[in-house]
Amino acid sequence: MSIFDSWLGVRNRLLASPAFQRWASAFPLTRPIAQKRARELFDIVAGFVYSQILFACVRLKLFEILAEGPQSADALAKRMALPPEGAIRLLRAAVSLRLVALCEDKRYALGELGAAMIGNPGIAAMVEHHAMVYADLADPVALLRGEVERTALSNYWSYAANTDAANVDEQSIDGYTALMSDSQSLIAGDVLDAYSLKDCKCLLDVGGGDGTFLVTAAKRWPHLKVILFDLPAVAERAKARFQREGLADRATAVGGDVLRDPLPEGADVVSLVRVLHDHDDEEALAIIKAARRVLPTGGTLLVAEPMSGTPGAQPIGDAYFGFYLLAMGSGRPRTPVEIENMLRLNVFDPVRLVPTVRPILTRLLAATRMA
């Protein structure tokens, strides 16, 4: 047994001891640490309740109402169609989570986190979407054992574990295309701030949904030609959007299945924005290989997605996305090193981790195609 193992055993026995817990909570020097650890543990236990409070606020449009200005509890109860006691209960809960703030005159206003919700409509869309996630995680042990045949998320993301993804109908892609667009708007700016395309000629975005990422890139760099590749029903949506955005002269949308059909040629940069983590290792390698085939020597592959082991955001990569993708039935979060190894297997070198302003949302790897 190593010294670390021995120390770990001693530490865990102490932390598990009720007598030590009482002492640590009473002793002035250890009391703040003990209280913090107790709060952290309780937050994990109560996390579902907290998320349902947020869900209620979103469903009742509380943040949009409070964006108009501070209001009384009675006024808010009427606007949310809640009984006064129900409104008070929700408002107090939201205040405790910093979603709402209580003013000195007893009126309620947006809290700092509620204000952030107003500025990020994609988060509200994800909160609404989580009803399916909660249903799928009702029995996480059965999910881990592979005993759940079909989940709500695998039905929602119609391409997941679908052997005939290219033929999914338009109705099947309605919900997730809109959700992807809402959430992708959060990260498109971060990726394009981190990696400039001013010297690039053409960007191919694989799995680009309705084109949110490409529209952002094309408007930032007016010289840039862009190509979107996604399932046929999704590509039709992107084509219509390019028309609406006035980009039809330099934006193309091509339909197909990345695991079966060749990618369009002509781009010197290929982007995979939240694509690899949706796929298991064999499929992820196949997608990287498909990108390599159409890139010229010296071309760049961009991989942008939340990644495992992100400092300060470990629970997002390994807990949230780990179980979300499990319920979805395809993919897993990967560390930057794991993705880098996949890229090097496909003759990409060098591979560098490009800093982004919000790595909690997305991290970025830029890889160069070798000869």
Foldseek 3Di string as FASTA:
>chain_A
DDPVVVVVVVVVVLVPDPVNLVVLCPDVVNNVVSVVVVVVVVCVVCVVVLLVLVLLCLVLVVLVVQVVDWDALVVSCVSSVHPSVVSVVSQVSCCVVQQWPQDPVRTIHGGPVVVVCVVQVLVSLVSVVCVQVCVLVVPVVCLVVVVDDAGPLLQQVVLQVDPPNLPDDLVSPVSVLVSCLSLVLVCLVQVCVLDPCQVWAEEEEEQCFLCNNVLVNCVVHVRHAYEYEERPSRLVNNCVVCVVSVNNVRYYYDHDDLLPDADDADGLEYEYAPNLQLADPVVSLSNLLSVLVRHDAFGKYKYKFQAAPDVPQNCVQCPVSQSSSSNNNHGHHHHPVVVCVSNVVNQWPDKDWTDTPCSNGMTMIMTGHHD
